[in-house]
mmCIF file of all heavy atoms, coordinates in Angstrom:
data_MODEL
# 
_entry.id   MODEL 
# 
loop_
_atom_site.group_PDB 
_atom_site.id 
_atom_site.type_symbol 
_atom_site.label_atom_id 
_atom_site.label_alt_id 
_atom_site.label_comp_id 
_atom_site.label_asym_id 
_atom_site.label_entity_id 
_atom_site.label_seq_id 
_atom_site.pdbx_PDB_ins_code 
_atom_site.Cartn_x 
_atom_site.Cartn_y 
_atom_site.Cartn_z 
_atom_site.occupancy 
_atom_site.B_iso_or_equiv 
_atom_site.pdbx_formal_charge 
_atom_site.auth_seq_id 
_atom_site.auth_comp_id 
_atom_site.auth_asym_id 
_atom_site.auth_atom_id 
_atom_site.pdbx_PDB_model_num 
ATOM 1   N N   . SER A 1 1  ? -185.383 85.855  7.220   1.00 0.00 ? 1  SER A N   1 
ATOM 2   C CA  . SER A 1 1  ? -186.640 85.122  7.086   1.00 0.00 ? 1  SER A CA  1 
ATOM 3   C C   . SER A 1 1  ? -186.695 84.323  5.791   1.00 0.00 ? 1  SER A C   1 
ATOM 4   O O   . SER A 1 1  ? -187.287 83.252  5.733   1.00 0.00 ? 1  SER A O   1 
ATOM 5   C CB  . SER A 1 1  ? -187.817 86.097  7.159   1.00 0.00 ? 1  SER A CB  1 
ATOM 6   O OG  . SER A 1 1  ? -187.706 87.093  6.159   1.00 0.00 ? 1  SER A OG  1 
ATOM 7   N N   . GLY A 1 2  ? -186.111 84.845  4.710   1.00 0.00 ? 2  GLY A N   1 
ATOM 8   C CA  . GLY A 1 2  ? -186.094 84.137  3.435   1.00 0.00 ? 2  GLY A CA  1 
ATOM 9   C C   . GLY A 1 2  ? -184.705 83.605  3.158   1.00 0.00 ? 2  GLY A C   1 
ATOM 10  O O   . GLY A 1 2  ? -183.760 84.371  3.006   1.00 0.00 ? 2  GLY A O   1 
ATOM 11  N N   . LYS A 1 3  ? -184.541 82.293  3.074   1.00 0.00 ? 3  LYS A N   1 
ATOM 12  C CA  . LYS A 1 3  ? -183.219 81.698  2.917   1.00 0.00 ? 3  LYS A CA  1 
ATOM 13  C C   . LYS A 1 3  ? -182.830 81.624  1.439   1.00 0.00 ? 3  LYS A C   1 
ATOM 14  O O   . LYS A 1 3  ? -183.469 80.947  0.647   1.00 0.00 ? 3  LYS A O   1 
ATOM 15  C CB  . LYS A 1 3  ? -183.194 80.284  3.518   1.00 0.00 ? 3  LYS A CB  1 
ATOM 16  C CG  . LYS A 1 3  ? -183.562 80.243  4.995   1.00 0.00 ? 3  LYS A CG  1 
ATOM 17  C CD  . LYS A 1 3  ? -182.568 81.037  5.840   1.00 0.00 ? 3  LYS A CD  1 
ATOM 18  C CE  . LYS A 1 3  ? -182.935 80.966  7.313   1.00 0.00 ? 3  LYS A CE  1 
ATOM 19  N NZ  . LYS A 1 3  ? -182.068 81.832  8.128   1.00 0.00 ? 3  LYS A NZ  1 
ATOM 20  N N   . HIS A 1 4  ? -181.824 82.380  1.096   1.00 0.00 ? 4  HIS A N   1 
ATOM 21  C CA  . HIS A 1 4  ? -181.268 82.248  -0.252  1.00 0.00 ? 4  HIS A CA  1 
ATOM 22  C C   . HIS A 1 4  ? -179.786 82.588  -0.205  1.00 0.00 ? 4  HIS A C   1 
ATOM 23  O O   . HIS A 1 4  ? -179.268 83.345  -0.998  1.00 0.00 ? 4  HIS A O   1 
ATOM 24  C CB  . HIS A 1 4  ? -181.996 83.160  -1.240  1.00 0.00 ? 4  HIS A CB  1 
ATOM 25  C CG  . HIS A 1 4  ? -182.006 84.613  -0.871  1.00 0.00 ? 4  HIS A CG  1 
ATOM 26  N ND1 . HIS A 1 4  ? -182.886 85.127  0.023   1.00 0.00 ? 4  HIS A ND1 1 
ATOM 27  C CD2 . HIS A 1 4  ? -181.222 85.643  -1.261  1.00 0.00 ? 4  HIS A CD2 1 
ATOM 28  C CE1 . HIS A 1 4  ? -182.664 86.429  0.161   1.00 0.00 ? 4  HIS A CE1 1 
ATOM 29  N NE2 . HIS A 1 4  ? -181.654 86.760  -0.604  1.00 0.00 ? 4  HIS A NE2 1 
ATOM 30  N N   . GLY A 1 5  ? -179.100 82.008  0.749   1.00 0.00 ? 5  GLY A N   1 
ATOM 31  C CA  . GLY A 1 5  ? -177.686 82.283  0.950   1.00 0.00 ? 5  GLY A CA  1 
ATOM 32  C C   . GLY A 1 5  ? -176.813 81.609  -0.082  1.00 0.00 ? 5  GLY A C   1 
ATOM 33  O O   . GLY A 1 5  ? -177.287 80.907  -0.983  1.00 0.00 ? 5  GLY A O   1 
ATOM 34  N N   . ALA A 1 6  ? -175.511 81.844  0.061   1.00 0.00 ? 6  ALA A N   1 
ATOM 35  C CA  . ALA A 1 6  ? -174.547 81.269  -0.869  1.00 0.00 ? 6  ALA A CA  1 
ATOM 36  C C   . ALA A 1 6  ? -173.226 81.070  -0.148  1.00 0.00 ? 6  ALA A C   1 
ATOM 37  O O   . ALA A 1 6  ? -172.922 81.771  0.827   1.00 0.00 ? 6  ALA A O   1 
ATOM 38  C CB  . ALA A 1 6  ? -174.347 82.184  -2.068  1.00 0.00 ? 6  ALA A CB  1 
ATOM 39  N N   . THR A 1 7  ? -172.456 80.105  -0.620  1.00 0.00 ? 7  THR A N   1 
ATOM 40  C CA  . THR A 1 7  ? -171.111 79.887  -0.119  1.00 0.00 ? 7  THR A CA  1 
ATOM 41  C C   . THR A 1 7  ? -170.127 80.159  -1.252  1.00 0.00 ? 7  THR A C   1 
ATOM 42  O O   . THR A 1 7  ? -170.207 79.526  -2.305  1.00 0.00 ? 7  THR A O   1 
ATOM 43  C CB  . THR A 1 7  ? -170.930 78.444  0.389   1.00 0.00 ? 7  THR A CB  1 
ATOM 44  O OG1 . THR A 1 7  ? -171.834 78.213  1.480   1.00 0.00 ? 7  THR A OG1 1 
ATOM 45  C CG2 . THR A 1 7  ? -169.515 78.220  0.863   1.00 0.00 ? 7  THR A CG2 1 
ATOM 46  N N   . HIS A 1 8  ? -169.269 81.128  -1.066  1.00 0.00 ? 8  HIS A N   1 
ATOM 47  C CA  . HIS A 1 8  ? -168.274 81.481  -2.069  1.00 0.00 ? 8  HIS A CA  1 
ATOM 48  C C   . HIS A 1 8  ? -166.968 80.761  -1.757  1.00 0.00 ? 8  HIS A C   1 
ATOM 49  O O   . HIS A 1 8  ? -166.415 80.913  -0.665  1.00 0.00 ? 8  HIS A O   1 
ATOM 50  C CB  . HIS A 1 8  ? -168.046 82.989  -2.078  1.00 0.00 ? 8  HIS A CB  1 
ATOM 51  C CG  . HIS A 1 8  ? -169.271 83.787  -2.397  1.00 0.00 ? 8  HIS A CG  1 
ATOM 52  N ND1 . HIS A 1 8  ? -169.428 85.110  -2.029  1.00 0.00 ? 8  HIS A ND1 1 
ATOM 53  C CD2 . HIS A 1 8  ? -170.416 83.444  -3.043  1.00 0.00 ? 8  HIS A CD2 1 
ATOM 54  C CE1 . HIS A 1 8  ? -170.596 85.545  -2.437  1.00 0.00 ? 8  HIS A CE1 1 
ATOM 55  N NE2 . HIS A 1 8  ? -171.220 84.556  -3.058  1.00 0.00 ? 8  HIS A NE2 1 
ATOM 56  N N   . LEU A 1 9  ? -166.480 79.988  -2.713  1.00 0.00 ? 9  LEU A N   1 
ATOM 57  C CA  . LEU A 1 9  ? -165.269 79.197  -2.521  1.00 0.00 ? 9  LEU A CA  1 
ATOM 58  C C   . LEU A 1 9  ? -164.062 79.774  -3.253  1.00 0.00 ? 9  LEU A C   1 
ATOM 59  O O   . LEU A 1 9  ? -162.931 79.350  -2.999  1.00 0.00 ? 9  LEU A O   1 
ATOM 60  C CB  . LEU A 1 9  ? -165.509 77.766  -2.999  1.00 0.00 ? 9  LEU A CB  1 
ATOM 61  C CG  . LEU A 1 9  ? -166.636 77.008  -2.286  1.00 0.00 ? 9  LEU A CG  1 
ATOM 62  C CD1 . LEU A 1 9  ? -166.837 75.635  -2.926  1.00 0.00 ? 9  LEU A CD1 1 
ATOM 63  C CD2 . LEU A 1 9  ? -166.338 76.881  -0.799  1.00 0.00 ? 9  LEU A CD2 1 
ATOM 64  N N   . ALA A 1 10 ? -164.321 80.720  -4.160  1.00 0.00 ? 10 ALA A N   1 
ATOM 65  C CA  . ALA A 1 10 ? -163.235 81.309  -4.938  1.00 0.00 ? 10 ALA A CA  1 
ATOM 66  C C   . ALA A 1 10 ? -163.686 82.669  -5.438  1.00 0.00 ? 10 ALA A C   1 
ATOM 67  O O   . ALA A 1 10 ? -164.887 82.970  -5.478  1.00 0.00 ? 10 ALA A O   1 
ATOM 68  C CB  . ALA A 1 10 ? -162.863 80.413  -6.119  1.00 0.00 ? 10 ALA A CB  1 
ATOM 69  N N   . VAL A 1 11 ? -162.732 83.491  -5.833  1.00 0.00 ? 11 VAL A N   1 
ATOM 70  C CA  . VAL A 1 11 ? -163.087 84.776  -6.414  1.00 0.00 ? 11 VAL A CA  1 
ATOM 71  C C   . VAL A 1 11 ? -163.883 84.532  -7.686  1.00 0.00 ? 11 VAL A C   1 
ATOM 72  O O   . VAL A 1 11 ? -163.574 83.635  -8.481  1.00 0.00 ? 11 VAL A O   1 
ATOM 73  C CB  . VAL A 1 11 ? -161.812 85.612  -6.686  1.00 0.00 ? 11 VAL A CB  1 
ATOM 74  C CG1 . VAL A 1 11 ? -160.898 84.925  -7.679  1.00 0.00 ? 11 VAL A CG1 1 
ATOM 75  C CG2 . VAL A 1 11 ? -162.170 87.004  -7.160  1.00 0.00 ? 11 VAL A CG2 1 
ATOM 76  N N   . SER A 1 12 ? -164.953 85.291  -7.878  1.00 0.00 ? 12 SER A N   1 
ATOM 77  C CA  . SER A 1 12 ? -165.842 85.072  -9.015  1.00 0.00 ? 12 SER A CA  1 
ATOM 78  C C   . SER A 1 12 ? -165.273 85.673  -10.290 1.00 0.00 ? 12 SER A C   1 
ATOM 79  O O   . SER A 1 12 ? -164.797 86.815  -10.299 1.00 0.00 ? 12 SER A O   1 
ATOM 80  C CB  . SER A 1 12 ? -167.217 85.686  -8.739  1.00 0.00 ? 12 SER A CB  1 
ATOM 81  O OG  . SER A 1 12 ? -168.045 85.603  -9.884  1.00 0.00 ? 12 SER A OG  1 
ATOM 82  N N   . ALA A 1 13 ? -165.355 84.906  -11.392 1.00 0.00 ? 13 ALA A N   1 
ATOM 83  C CA  . ALA A 1 13 ? -164.916 85.404  -12.698 1.00 0.00 ? 13 ALA A CA  1 
ATOM 84  C C   . ALA A 1 13 ? -166.018 86.173  -13.412 1.00 0.00 ? 13 ALA A C   1 
ATOM 85  O O   . ALA A 1 13 ? -165.762 86.793  -14.458 1.00 0.00 ? 13 ALA A O   1 
ATOM 86  C CB  . ALA A 1 13 ? -164.448 84.244  -13.574 1.00 0.00 ? 13 ALA A CB  1 
ATOM 87  N N   . ASP A 1 14 ? -167.229 86.151  -12.872 1.00 0.00 ? 14 ASP A N   1 
ATOM 88  C CA  . ASP A 1 14 ? -168.357 86.853  -13.479 1.00 0.00 ? 14 ASP A CA  1 
ATOM 89  C C   . ASP A 1 14 ? -168.078 88.359  -13.488 1.00 0.00 ? 14 ASP A C   1 
ATOM 90  O O   . ASP A 1 14 ? -167.851 88.956  -12.442 1.00 0.00 ? 14 ASP A O   1 
ATOM 91  C CB  . ASP A 1 14 ? -169.629 86.558  -12.683 1.00 0.00 ? 14 ASP A CB  1 
ATOM 92  C CG  . ASP A 1 14 ? -170.871 87.169  -13.305 1.00 0.00 ? 14 ASP A CG  1 
ATOM 93  O OD1 . ASP A 1 14 ? -170.799 87.705  -14.430 1.00 0.00 ? 14 ASP A OD1 1 
ATOM 94  O OD2 . ASP A 1 14 ? -171.935 87.127  -12.650 1.00 0.00 ? 14 ASP A OD2 1 
ATOM 95  N N   . GLY A 1 15 ? -168.079 88.958  -14.667 1.00 0.00 ? 15 GLY A N   1 
ATOM 96  C CA  . GLY A 1 15 ? -167.842 90.394  -14.789 1.00 0.00 ? 15 GLY A CA  1 
ATOM 97  C C   . GLY A 1 15 ? -166.386 90.791  -14.656 1.00 0.00 ? 15 GLY A C   1 
ATOM 98  O O   . GLY A 1 15 ? -166.083 91.983  -14.458 1.00 0.00 ? 15 GLY A O   1 
ATOM 99  N N   . ARG A 1 16 ? -165.489 89.844  -14.775 1.00 0.00 ? 16 ARG A N   1 
ATOM 100 C CA  . ARG A 1 16 ? -164.068 90.150  -14.606 1.00 0.00 ? 16 ARG A CA  1 
ATOM 101 C C   . ARG A 1 16 ? -163.628 91.220  -15.607 1.00 0.00 ? 16 ARG A C   1 
ATOM 102 O O   . ARG A 1 16 ? -163.964 91.173  -16.791 1.00 0.00 ? 16 ARG A O   1 
ATOM 103 C CB  . ARG A 1 16 ? -163.221 88.899  -14.790 1.00 0.00 ? 16 ARG A CB  1 
ATOM 104 C CG  . ARG A 1 16 ? -161.763 89.107  -14.407 1.00 0.00 ? 16 ARG A CG  1 
ATOM 105 C CD  . ARG A 1 16 ? -160.963 87.833  -14.510 1.00 0.00 ? 16 ARG A CD  1 
ATOM 106 N NE  . ARG A 1 16 ? -159.656 87.981  -13.875 1.00 0.00 ? 16 ARG A NE  1 
ATOM 107 C CZ  . ARG A 1 16 ? -158.720 87.035  -13.847 1.00 0.00 ? 16 ARG A CZ  1 
ATOM 108 N NH1 . ARG A 1 16 ? -158.963 85.859  -14.420 1.00 0.00 ? 16 ARG A NH1 1 
ATOM 109 N NH2 . ARG A 1 16 ? -157.563 87.249  -13.240 1.00 0.00 ? 16 ARG A NH2 1 
ATOM 110 N N   . GLY A 1 17 ? -162.857 92.173  -15.126 1.00 0.00 ? 17 GLY A N   1 
ATOM 111 C CA  . GLY A 1 17 ? -162.394 93.264  -15.973 1.00 0.00 ? 17 GLY A CA  1 
ATOM 112 C C   . GLY A 1 17 ? -163.286 94.487  -15.937 1.00 0.00 ? 17 GLY A C   1 
ATOM 113 O O   . GLY A 1 17 ? -163.027 95.459  -16.661 1.00 0.00 ? 17 GLY A O   1 
ATOM 114 N N   . THR A 1 18 ? -164.331 94.482  -15.107 1.00 0.00 ? 18 THR A N   1 
ATOM 115 C CA  . THR A 1 18 ? -165.214 95.643  -14.997 1.00 0.00 ? 18 THR A CA  1 
ATOM 116 C C   . THR A 1 18 ? -164.400 96.885  -14.652 1.00 0.00 ? 18 THR A C   1 
ATOM 117 O O   . THR A 1 18 ? -163.594 96.883  -13.723 1.00 0.00 ? 18 THR A O   1 
ATOM 118 C CB  . THR A 1 18 ? -166.290 95.418  -13.922 1.00 0.00 ? 18 THR A CB  1 
ATOM 119 O OG1 . THR A 1 18 ? -167.146 94.346  -14.324 1.00 0.00 ? 18 THR A OG1 1 
ATOM 120 C CG2 . THR A 1 18 ? -167.124 96.672  -13.714 1.00 0.00 ? 18 THR A CG2 1 
ATOM 121 N N   . GLU A 1 19 ? -164.617 97.940  -15.417 1.00 0.00 ? 19 GLU A N   1 
ATOM 122 C CA  . GLU A 1 19 ? -163.897 99.193  -15.194 1.00 0.00 ? 19 GLU A CA  1 
ATOM 123 C C   . GLU A 1 19 ? -164.805 100.199 -14.496 1.00 0.00 ? 19 GLU A C   1 
ATOM 124 O O   . GLU A 1 19 ? -165.964 100.371 -14.877 1.00 0.00 ? 19 GLU A O   1 
ATOM 125 C CB  . GLU A 1 19 ? -163.413 99.776  -16.529 1.00 0.00 ? 19 GLU A CB  1 
ATOM 126 C CG  . GLU A 1 19 ? -162.370 98.914  -17.224 1.00 0.00 ? 19 GLU A CG  1 
ATOM 127 C CD  . GLU A 1 19 ? -161.890 99.520  -18.528 1.00 0.00 ? 19 GLU A CD  1 
ATOM 128 O OE1 . GLU A 1 19 ? -162.663 100.280 -19.152 1.00 0.00 ? 19 GLU A OE1 1 
ATOM 129 O OE2 . GLU A 1 19 ? -160.743 99.235  -18.938 1.00 0.00 ? 19 GLU A OE2 1 
ATOM 130 N N   . ARG A 1 20 ? -164.271 100.843 -13.501 1.00 0.00 ? 20 ARG A N   1 
ATOM 131 C CA  . ARG A 1 20 ? -164.981 101.922 -12.804 1.00 0.00 ? 20 ARG A CA  1 
ATOM 132 C C   . ARG A 1 20 ? -163.990 103.059 -12.545 1.00 0.00 ? 20 ARG A C   1 
ATOM 133 O O   . ARG A 1 20 ? -162.802 102.812 -12.332 1.00 0.00 ? 20 ARG A O   1 
ATOM 134 C CB  . ARG A 1 20 ? -165.591 101.422 -11.500 1.00 0.00 ? 20 ARG A CB  1 
ATOM 135 C CG  . ARG A 1 20 ? -166.730 100.436 -11.711 1.00 0.00 ? 20 ARG A CG  1 
ATOM 136 C CD  . ARG A 1 20 ? -167.398 100.061 -10.390 1.00 0.00 ? 20 ARG A CD  1 
ATOM 137 N NE  . ARG A 1 20 ? -168.433 99.074  -10.573 1.00 0.00 ? 20 ARG A NE  1 
ATOM 138 C CZ  . ARG A 1 20 ? -169.705 99.328  -10.857 1.00 0.00 ? 20 ARG A CZ  1 
ATOM 139 N NH1 . ARG A 1 20 ? -170.095 100.589 -10.996 1.00 0.00 ? 20 ARG A NH1 1 
ATOM 140 N NH2 . ARG A 1 20 ? -170.589 98.366  -10.992 1.00 0.00 ? 20 ARG A NH2 1 
ATOM 141 N N   . PRO A 1 21 ? -164.483 104.296 -12.532 1.00 0.00 ? 21 PRO A N   1 
ATOM 142 C CA  . PRO A 1 21 ? -163.566 105.449 -12.484 1.00 0.00 ? 21 PRO A CA  1 
ATOM 143 C C   . PRO A 1 21 ? -163.119 105.810 -11.079 1.00 0.00 ? 21 PRO A C   1 
ATOM 144 O O   . PRO A 1 21 ? -163.421 106.886 -10.566 1.00 0.00 ? 21 PRO A O   1 
ATOM 145 C CB  . PRO A 1 21 ? -164.414 106.567 -13.092 1.00 0.00 ? 21 PRO A CB  1 
ATOM 146 C CG  . PRO A 1 21 ? -165.815 106.227 -12.666 1.00 0.00 ? 21 PRO A CG  1 
ATOM 147 C CD  . PRO A 1 21 ? -165.891 104.728 -12.713 1.00 0.00 ? 21 PRO A CD  1 
ATOM 148 N N   . CYS A 1 22 ? -162.369 104.920 -10.442 1.00 0.00 ? 22 CYS A N   1 
ATOM 149 C CA  . CYS A 1 22 ? -161.911 105.220 -9.084  1.00 0.00 ? 22 CYS A CA  1 
ATOM 150 C C   . CYS A 1 22 ? -160.410 105.094 -8.920  1.00 0.00 ? 22 CYS A C   1 
ATOM 151 O O   . CYS A 1 22 ? -159.866 105.480 -7.876  1.00 0.00 ? 22 CYS A O   1 
ATOM 152 C CB  . CYS A 1 22 ? -162.594 104.293 -8.077  1.00 0.00 ? 22 CYS A CB  1 
ATOM 153 S SG  . CYS A 1 22 ? -162.210 102.532 -8.298  1.00 0.00 ? 22 CYS A SG  1 
ATOM 154 N N   . TRP A 1 23 ? -159.717 104.584 -9.917  1.00 0.00 ? 23 TRP A N   1 
ATOM 155 C CA  . TRP A 1 23 ? -158.346 104.129 -9.686  1.00 0.00 ? 23 TRP A CA  1 
ATOM 156 C C   . TRP A 1 23 ? -157.329 105.257 -9.659  1.00 0.00 ? 23 TRP A C   1 
ATOM 157 O O   . TRP A 1 23 ? -156.326 105.174 -8.949  1.00 0.00 ? 23 TRP A O   1 
ATOM 158 C CB  . TRP A 1 23 ? -158.002 103.027 -10.680 1.00 0.00 ? 23 TRP A CB  1 
ATOM 159 C CG  . TRP A 1 23 ? -158.924 101.872 -10.455 1.00 0.00 ? 23 TRP A CG  1 
ATOM 160 C CD1 . TRP A 1 23 ? -160.043 101.545 -11.180 1.00 0.00 ? 23 TRP A CD1 1 
ATOM 161 C CD2 . TRP A 1 23 ? -158.896 100.959 -9.354  1.00 0.00 ? 23 TRP A CD2 1 
ATOM 162 N NE1 . TRP A 1 23 ? -160.684 100.472 -10.613 1.00 0.00 ? 23 TRP A NE1 1 
ATOM 163 C CE2 . TRP A 1 23 ? -160.006 100.089 -9.485  1.00 0.00 ? 23 TRP A CE2 1 
ATOM 164 C CE3 . TRP A 1 23 ? -158.035 100.780 -8.267  1.00 0.00 ? 23 TRP A CE3 1 
ATOM 165 C CZ2 . TRP A 1 23 ? -160.278 99.062  -8.584  1.00 0.00 ? 23 TRP A CZ2 1 
ATOM 166 C CZ3 . TRP A 1 23 ? -158.295 99.755  -7.366  1.00 0.00 ? 23 TRP A CZ3 1 
ATOM 167 C CH2 . TRP A 1 23 ? -159.407 98.915  -7.535  1.00 0.00 ? 23 TRP A CH2 1 
ATOM 168 N N   . ASP A 1 24 ? -157.537 106.334 -10.410 1.00 0.00 ? 24 ASP A N   1 
ATOM 169 C CA  . ASP A 1 24 ? -156.648 107.481 -10.266 1.00 0.00 ? 24 ASP A CA  1 
ATOM 170 C C   . ASP A 1 24 ? -156.841 108.138 -8.905  1.00 0.00 ? 24 ASP A C   1 
ATOM 171 O O   . ASP A 1 24 ? -155.877 108.626 -8.296  1.00 0.00 ? 24 ASP A O   1 
ATOM 172 C CB  . ASP A 1 24 ? -156.876 108.502 -11.383 1.00 0.00 ? 24 ASP A CB  1 
ATOM 173 C CG  . ASP A 1 24 ? -155.756 108.486 -12.410 1.00 0.00 ? 24 ASP A CG  1 
ATOM 174 O OD1 . ASP A 1 24 ? -154.609 108.195 -12.027 1.00 0.00 ? 24 ASP A OD1 1 
ATOM 175 O OD2 . ASP A 1 24 ? -156.018 108.771 -13.592 1.00 0.00 ? 24 ASP A OD2 1 
# 
């Protein structure tokens, strides 16, 4: 009902390098 879509054309650099404890 509320239009606020987006088109992603490339991987986003925003927040690049974010670490989360899942990789082990």
